[in-house]
């Protein structure tokens, strides 16, 4: 059996963190493993088929995000499916992502540098989320303006296959919309 790792990302505005935490405790915590020597070639616990990493990103900056991000959960496919099924009943989008393809993106608009977390879904969609605590000027704009946008516009999604120039244009357009909203 091939060893593998996957990342499940939950994102949205004002996520139900207490119920997410209860689900993690009920469905995942008992299968939490220790630090791996080799992230990309993990050693699975007996009976496990996959290592799941789980991340939450709440676009309400006053809410806790990333509480489980560094934890490895050694699960079977059916355990992952059960966890995902339970999550679907809660607020937010839940997307499986490539654990090896994540990072940061930047764009400078009107002399202000805006930062984004980037995750790529298994379907080849890049999701970008505003990152804060990077640039004081950008933080003021993002904190003030982001809650004014409709929830489905508080992050960016774009095909991973488009050119870097097209990605830059989408980022710039979104930031200008945010600044002028």
C-alpha atoms as a PDB file:
ATOM      1  CA  UNK A   1       0.000   0.000   0.000  1.00  0.00           C
ATOM      2  CA  UNK A   2       1.315   3.431  -0.912  1.00  0.00           C
ATOM      3  CA  UNK A   3       1.905   5.762   2.014  1.00  0.00           C
ATOM      4  CA  UNK A   4       0.283   9.132   1.589  1.00  0.00           C
ATOM      5  CA  UNK A   5      -0.679  12.361   3.238  1.00  0.00           C
ATOM      6  CA  UNK A   6      -3.575  14.709   2.533  1.00  0.00           C
ATOM      7  CA  UNK A   7      -4.672  18.108   3.780  1.00  0.00           C
ATOM      8  CA  UNK A   8      -8.272  19.023   4.519  1.00  0.00           C
ATOM      9  CA  UNK A   9      -8.908  22.758   4.572  1.00  0.00           C
ATOM     10  CA  UNK A  10     -11.983  24.342   6.159  1.00  0.00           C
ATOM     11  CA  UNK A  11     -12.470  28.025   5.438  1.00  0.00           C
ATOM     12  CA  UNK A  12     -15.134  30.676   5.769  1.00  0.00           C
ATOM     13  CA  UNK A  13     -16.287  33.605   7.873  1.00  0.00           C
ATOM     14  CA  UNK A  14     -17.226  33.021  11.521  1.00  0.00           C
ATOM     15  CA  UNK A  15     -16.671  29.275  11.441  1.00  0.00           C
ATOM     16  CA  UNK A  16     -18.263  27.182  14.173  1.00  0.00           C
ATOM     17  CA  UNK A  17     -14.998  26.582  16.025  1.00  0.00           C
ATOM     18  CA  UNK A  18     -16.563  24.937  19.074  1.00  0.00           C
ATOM     19  CA  UNK A  19     -18.248  22.238  16.977  1.00  0.00           C
ATOM     20  CA  UNK A  20     -15.158  21.848  14.788  1.00  0.00           C
ATOM     21  CA  UNK A  21     -13.116  21.304  17.953  1.00  0.00           C
ATOM     22  CA  UNK A  22     -15.647  18.757  19.228  1.00  0.00           C
ATOM     23  CA  UNK A  23     -15.426  16.870  15.914  1.00  0.00           C
ATOM     24  CA  UNK A  24     -11.625  16.892  15.975  1.00  0.00           C
ATOM     25  CA  UNK A  25     -11.667  15.561  19.549  1.00  0.00           C
ATOM     26  CA  UNK A  26     -14.282  12.916  18.734  1.00  0.00           C
ATOM     27  CA  UNK A  27     -13.081  11.777  15.307  1.00  0.00           C
ATOM     28  CA  UNK A  28      -9.375  12.595  15.051  1.00  0.00           C
ATOM     29  CA  UNK A  29      -7.627  13.127  18.399  1.00  0.00           C
ATOM     30  CA  UNK A  30      -7.286   9.462  19.324  1.00  0.00           C
ATOM     31  CA  UNK A  31      -5.364   8.923  16.046  1.00  0.00           C
ATOM     32  CA  UNK A  32      -2.927  11.788  16.492  1.00  0.00           C
ATOM     33  CA  UNK A  33       0.664  10.857  15.787  1.00  0.00           C
ATOM     34  CA  UNK A  34       3.960  12.389  16.722  1.00  0.00           C
ATOM     35  CA  UNK A  35       6.334  14.431  14.627  1.00  0.00           C
ATOM     36  CA  UNK A  36       7.543  12.652  11.497  1.00  0.00           C
ATOM     37  CA  UNK A  37      11.237  12.513  10.646  1.00  0.00           C
ATOM     38  CA  UNK A  38      10.347  12.829   6.969  1.00  0.00           C
ATOM     39  CA  UNK A  39       7.187  14.825   6.205  1.00  0.00           C
ATOM     40  CA  UNK A  40       7.053  13.595   2.603  1.00  0.00           C
ATOM     41  CA  UNK A  41       7.669   9.933   3.377  1.00  0.00           C
ATOM     42  CA  UNK A  42       5.630   9.446   6.549  1.00  0.00           C
ATOM     43  CA  UNK A  43       5.492   6.295   8.620  1.00  0.00           C
ATOM     44  CA  UNK A  44       1.854   5.317   9.102  1.00  0.00           C
ATOM     45  CA  UNK A  45       0.533   3.823  12.313  1.00  0.00           C
ATOM     46  CA  UNK A  46      -0.675   0.237  12.075  1.00  0.00           C
ATOM     47  CA  UNK A  47      -4.045   0.060  10.315  1.00  0.00           C
ATOM     48  CA  UNK A  48      -3.877   3.625   8.996  1.00  0.00           C
ATOM     49  CA  UNK A  49      -4.095   4.316   5.266  1.00  0.00           C
ATOM     50  CA  UNK A  50      -3.555   8.070   5.214  1.00  0.00           C
ATOM     51  CA  UNK A  51      -2.121  10.859   7.329  1.00  0.00           C
ATOM     52  CA  UNK A  52      -4.578  13.725   7.464  1.00  0.00           C
ATOM     53  CA  UNK A  53      -3.493  17.274   8.211  1.00  0.00           C
ATOM     54  CA  UNK A  54      -6.345  19.630   8.997  1.00  0.00           C
ATOM     55  CA  UNK A  55      -6.367  23.415   8.741  1.00  0.00           C
ATOM     56  CA  UNK A  56      -9.019  26.025   9.457  1.00  0.00           C
ATOM     57  CA  UNK A  57      -8.891  29.544   8.059  1.00  0.00           C
ATOM     58  CA  UNK A  58     -11.484  31.963   9.388  1.00  0.00           C
ATOM     59  CA  UNK A  59     -11.738  35.257   7.503  1.00  0.00           C
ATOM     60  CA  UNK A  60     -12.963  36.835  10.733  1.00  0.00           C
ATOM     61  CA  UNK A  61      -9.562  37.870  12.078  1.00  0.00           C
ATOM     62  CA  UNK A  62     -10.815  37.822  15.655  1.00  0.00           C
ATOM     63  CA  UNK A  63     -11.424  34.063  15.450  1.00  0.00           C
ATOM     64  CA  UNK A  64      -8.780  31.382  15.997  1.00  0.00           C
ATOM     65  CA  UNK A  65      -7.361  29.690  12.913  1.00  0.00           C
ATOM     66  CA  UNK A  66      -4.656  27.076  12.447  1.00  0.00           C
ATOM     67  CA  UNK A  67      -5.297  25.291  15.717  1.00  0.00           C
ATOM     68  CA  UNK A  68      -4.703  21.778  14.247  1.00  0.00           C
ATOM     69  CA  UNK A  69      -2.449  22.613  11.331  1.00  0.00           C
ATOM     70  CA  UNK A  70       0.728  20.894  12.508  1.00  0.00           C
ATOM     71  CA  UNK A  71      -0.949  17.722  13.779  1.00  0.00           C
ATOM     72  CA  UNK A  72      -0.793  14.389  11.930  1.00  0.00           C
ATOM     73  CA  UNK A  73      -3.861  12.162  12.184  1.00  0.00           C
ATOM     74  CA  UNK A  74      -3.334   8.516  11.108  1.00  0.00           C
ATOM     75  CA  UNK A  75      -6.664   7.406   9.641  1.00  0.00           C
ATOM     76  CA  UNK A  76      -8.404   5.008   7.334  1.00  0.00           C
ATOM     77  CA  UNK A  77     -10.301   6.304   4.309  1.00  0.00           C
ATOM     78  CA  UNK A  78     -13.601   5.575   6.069  1.00  0.00           C
ATOM     79  CA  UNK A  79     -12.537   7.644   9.104  1.00  0.00           C
ATOM     80  CA  UNK A  80     -11.666  10.558   6.809  1.00  0.00           C
ATOM     81  CA  UNK A  81     -14.998  10.200   5.022  1.00  0.00           C
ATOM     82  CA  UNK A  82     -16.843  10.194   8.367  1.00  0.00           C
ATOM     83  CA  UNK A  83     -15.009  13.315   9.535  1.00  0.00           C
ATOM     84  CA  UNK A  84     -15.689  15.073   6.236  1.00  0.00           C
ATOM     85  CA  UNK A  85     -19.372  14.057   6.348  1.00  0.00           C
ATOM     86  CA  UNK A  86     -19.717  15.574   9.831  1.00  0.00           C
ATOM     87  CA  UNK A  87     -17.897  18.759   8.750  1.00  0.00           C
ATOM     88  CA  UNK A  88     -20.290  19.224   5.819  1.00  0.00           C
ATOM     89  CA  UNK A  89     -23.047  19.896   8.341  1.00  0.00           C
ATOM     90  CA  UNK A  90     -21.107  22.877   9.695  1.00  0.00           C
ATOM     91  CA  UNK A  91     -20.611  26.318   8.200  1.00  0.00           C
ATOM     92  CA  UNK A  92     -17.697  26.765   5.798  1.00  0.00           C
ATOM     93  CA  UNK A  93     -16.139  25.249   2.715  1.00  0.00           C
ATOM     94  CA  UNK A  94     -14.257  21.990   3.127  1.00  0.00           C
ATOM     95  CA  UNK A  95     -11.686  21.197   0.440  1.00  0.00           C
ATOM     96  CA  UNK A  96      -9.040  18.501   0.126  1.00  0.00           C
ATOM     97  CA  UNK A  97      -5.700  20.036  -0.850  1.00  0.00           C
ATOM     98  CA  UNK A  98      -2.256  18.969  -1.965  1.00  0.00           C
ATOM     99  CA  UNK A  99      -0.131  18.950   1.212  1.00  0.00           C
ATOM    100  CA  UNK A 100       3.041  19.654  -0.779  1.00  0.00           C
ATOM    101  CA  UNK A 101       1.632  22.620  -2.679  1.00  0.00           C
ATOM    102  CA  UNK A 102       1.029  25.540  -0.366  1.00  0.00           C
ATOM    103  CA  UNK A 103       2.712  28.822   0.260  1.00  0.00           C
ATOM    104  CA  UNK A 104       2.370  32.564   0.082  1.00  0.00           C
ATOM    105  CA  UNK A 105       1.599  35.074  -2.636  1.00  0.00           C
ATOM    106  CA  UNK A 106       2.192  38.797  -2.597  1.00  0.00           C
ATOM    107  CA  UNK A 107       0.935  41.813  -4.504  1.00  0.00           C
ATOM    108  CA  UNK A 108       1.795  45.487  -4.154  1.00  0.00           C
ATOM    109  CA  UNK A 109      -1.006  47.972  -4.758  1.00  0.00           C
ATOM    110  CA  UNK A 110      -0.547  51.700  -4.235  1.00  0.00           C
ATOM    111  CA  UNK A 111       2.743  51.030  -2.465  1.00  0.00           C
ATOM    112  CA  UNK A 112       1.195  48.620   0.052  1.00  0.00           C
ATOM    113  CA  UNK A 113       2.206  44.944   0.107  1.00  0.00           C
ATOM    114  CA  UNK A 114      -0.675  42.505   0.529  1.00  0.00           C
ATOM    115  CA  UNK A 115       0.058  38.881   1.502  1.00  0.00           C
ATOM    116  CA  UNK A 116      -1.944  35.714   0.948  1.00  0.00           C
ATOM    117  CA  UNK A 117      -1.847  32.121   2.156  1.00  0.00           C
ATOM    118  CA  UNK A 118      -2.127  29.814  -0.858  1.00  0.00           C
ATOM    119  CA  UNK A 119      -3.449  26.234  -0.966  1.00  0.00           C
ATOM    120  CA  UNK A 120      -4.038  24.089  -4.049  1.00  0.00           C
ATOM    121  CA  UNK A 121      -7.006  21.740  -4.067  1.00  0.00           C
ATOM    122  CA  UNK A 122      -6.809  18.209  -5.432  1.00  0.00           C
ATOM    123  CA  UNK A 123      -8.954  19.568  -8.292  1.00  0.00           C
ATOM    124  CA  UNK A 124      -6.235  22.035  -9.323  1.00  0.00           C
ATOM    125  CA  UNK A 125      -7.800  25.191  -7.895  1.00  0.00           C
ATOM    126  CA  UNK A 126      -5.609  27.675  -6.020  1.00  0.00           C
ATOM    127  CA  UNK A 127      -7.277  29.227  -2.972  1.00  0.00           C
ATOM    128  CA  UNK A 128      -5.791  32.485  -1.662  1.00  0.00           C
ATOM    129  CA  UNK A 129      -6.646  33.924   1.752  1.00  0.00           C
ATOM    130  CA  UNK A 130      -5.586  37.347   3.001  1.00  0.00           C
ATOM    131  CA  UNK A 131      -2.761  37.061   5.465  1.00  0.00           C
ATOM    132  CA  UNK A 132      -2.526  39.606   8.241  1.00  0.00           C
ATOM    133  CA  UNK A 133       0.143  40.784  10.654  1.00  0.00           C
ATOM    134  CA  UNK A 134       2.520  41.182   7.696  1.00  0.00           C
ATOM    135  CA  UNK A 135       2.183  44.872   6.752  1.00  0.00           C
ATOM    136  CA  UNK A 136       0.533  47.378   9.096  1.00  0.00           C
ATOM    137  CA  UNK A 137      -0.942  49.396   6.205  1.00  0.00           C
ATOM    138  CA  UNK A 138      -2.364  46.318   4.490  1.00  0.00           C
ATOM    139  CA  UNK A 139      -3.694  45.010   7.822  1.00  0.00           C
ATOM    140  CA  UNK A 140      -5.732  48.171   8.387  1.00  0.00           C
ATOM    141  CA  UNK A 141      -7.329  47.887   4.960  1.00  0.00           C
ATOM    142  CA  UNK A 142      -7.974  44.138   5.128  1.00  0.00           C
ATOM    143  CA  UNK A 143      -9.385  44.240   8.677  1.00  0.00           C
ATOM    144  CA  UNK A 144     -11.669  47.161   7.829  1.00  0.00           C
ATOM    145  CA  UNK A 145     -12.788  46.157   4.345  1.00  0.00           C
ATOM    146  CA  UNK A 146     -12.855  42.343   4.200  1.00  0.00           C
ATOM    147  CA  UNK A 147     -15.948  41.936   6.426  1.00  0.00           C
ATOM    148  CA  UNK A 148     -17.843  44.246   4.045  1.00  0.00           C
ATOM    149  CA  UNK A 149     -17.399  41.833   1.136  1.00  0.00           C
ATOM    150  CA  UNK A 150     -19.894  39.021   0.603  1.00  0.00           C
ATOM    151  CA  UNK A 151     -18.615  35.869   2.289  1.00  0.00           C
ATOM    152  CA  UNK A 152     -17.879  34.097  -1.017  1.00  0.00           C
ATOM    153  CA  UNK A 153     -15.647  37.025  -2.080  1.00  0.00           C
ATOM    154  CA  UNK A 154     -13.502  37.114   1.077  1.00  0.00           C
ATOM    155  CA  UNK A 155     -10.964  34.823  -0.559  1.00  0.00           C
ATOM    156  CA  UNK A 156      -9.729  34.175  -4.073  1.00  0.00           C
ATOM    157  CA  UNK A 157      -9.970  31.005  -6.097  1.00  0.00           C
ATOM    158  CA  UNK A 158      -8.423  30.505  -9.506  1.00  0.00           C
ATOM    159  CA  UNK A 159      -7.318  27.636 -11.712  1.00  0.00           C
ATOM    160  CA  UNK A 160      -3.738  26.657 -10.927  1.00  0.00           C
ATOM    161  CA  UNK A 161      -3.060  26.159 -14.638  1.00  0.00           C
ATOM    162  CA  UNK A 162      -3.420  29.830 -15.627  1.00  0.00           C
ATOM    163  CA  UNK A 163      -0.324  31.952 -16.207  1.00  0.00           C
ATOM    164  CA  UNK A 164       1.396  33.914 -13.446  1.00  0.00           C
ATOM    165  CA  UNK A 165       0.404  37.128 -15.246  1.00  0.00           C
ATOM    166  CA  UNK A 166      -3.266  36.094 -15.106  1.00  0.00           C
ATOM    167  CA  UNK A 167      -2.933  35.199 -11.422  1.00  0.00           C
ATOM    168  CA  UNK A 168      -1.334  38.587 -10.721  1.00  0.00           C
ATOM    169  CA  UNK A 169      -4.164  40.337 -12.557  1.00  0.00           C
ATOM    170  CA  UNK A 170      -6.783  38.496 -10.496  1.00  0.00           C
ATOM    171  CA  UNK A 171      -4.964  39.363  -7.232  1.00  0.00           C
ATOM    172  CA  UNK A 172      -4.591  43.028  -8.204  1.00  0.00           C
ATOM    173  CA  UNK A 173      -8.237  43.289  -9.244  1.00  0.00           C
ATOM    174  CA  UNK A 174      -9.390  41.729  -5.956  1.00  0.00           C
ATOM    175  CA  UNK A 175      -7.178  44.038  -3.873  1.00  0.00           C
ATOM    176  CA  UNK A 176      -8.399  47.122  -5.761  1.00  0.00           C
ATOM    177  CA  UNK A 177     -11.981  46.004  -5.163  1.00  0.00           C
ATOM    178  CA  UNK A 178     -11.171  45.554  -1.464  1.00  0.00           C
ATOM    179  CA  UNK A 179      -9.505  48.966  -1.200  1.00  0.00           C
ATOM    180  CA  UNK A 180     -12.348  50.751  -2.997  1.00  0.00           C
ATOM    181  CA  UNK A 181     -15.272  48.830  -1.426  1.00  0.00           C
END
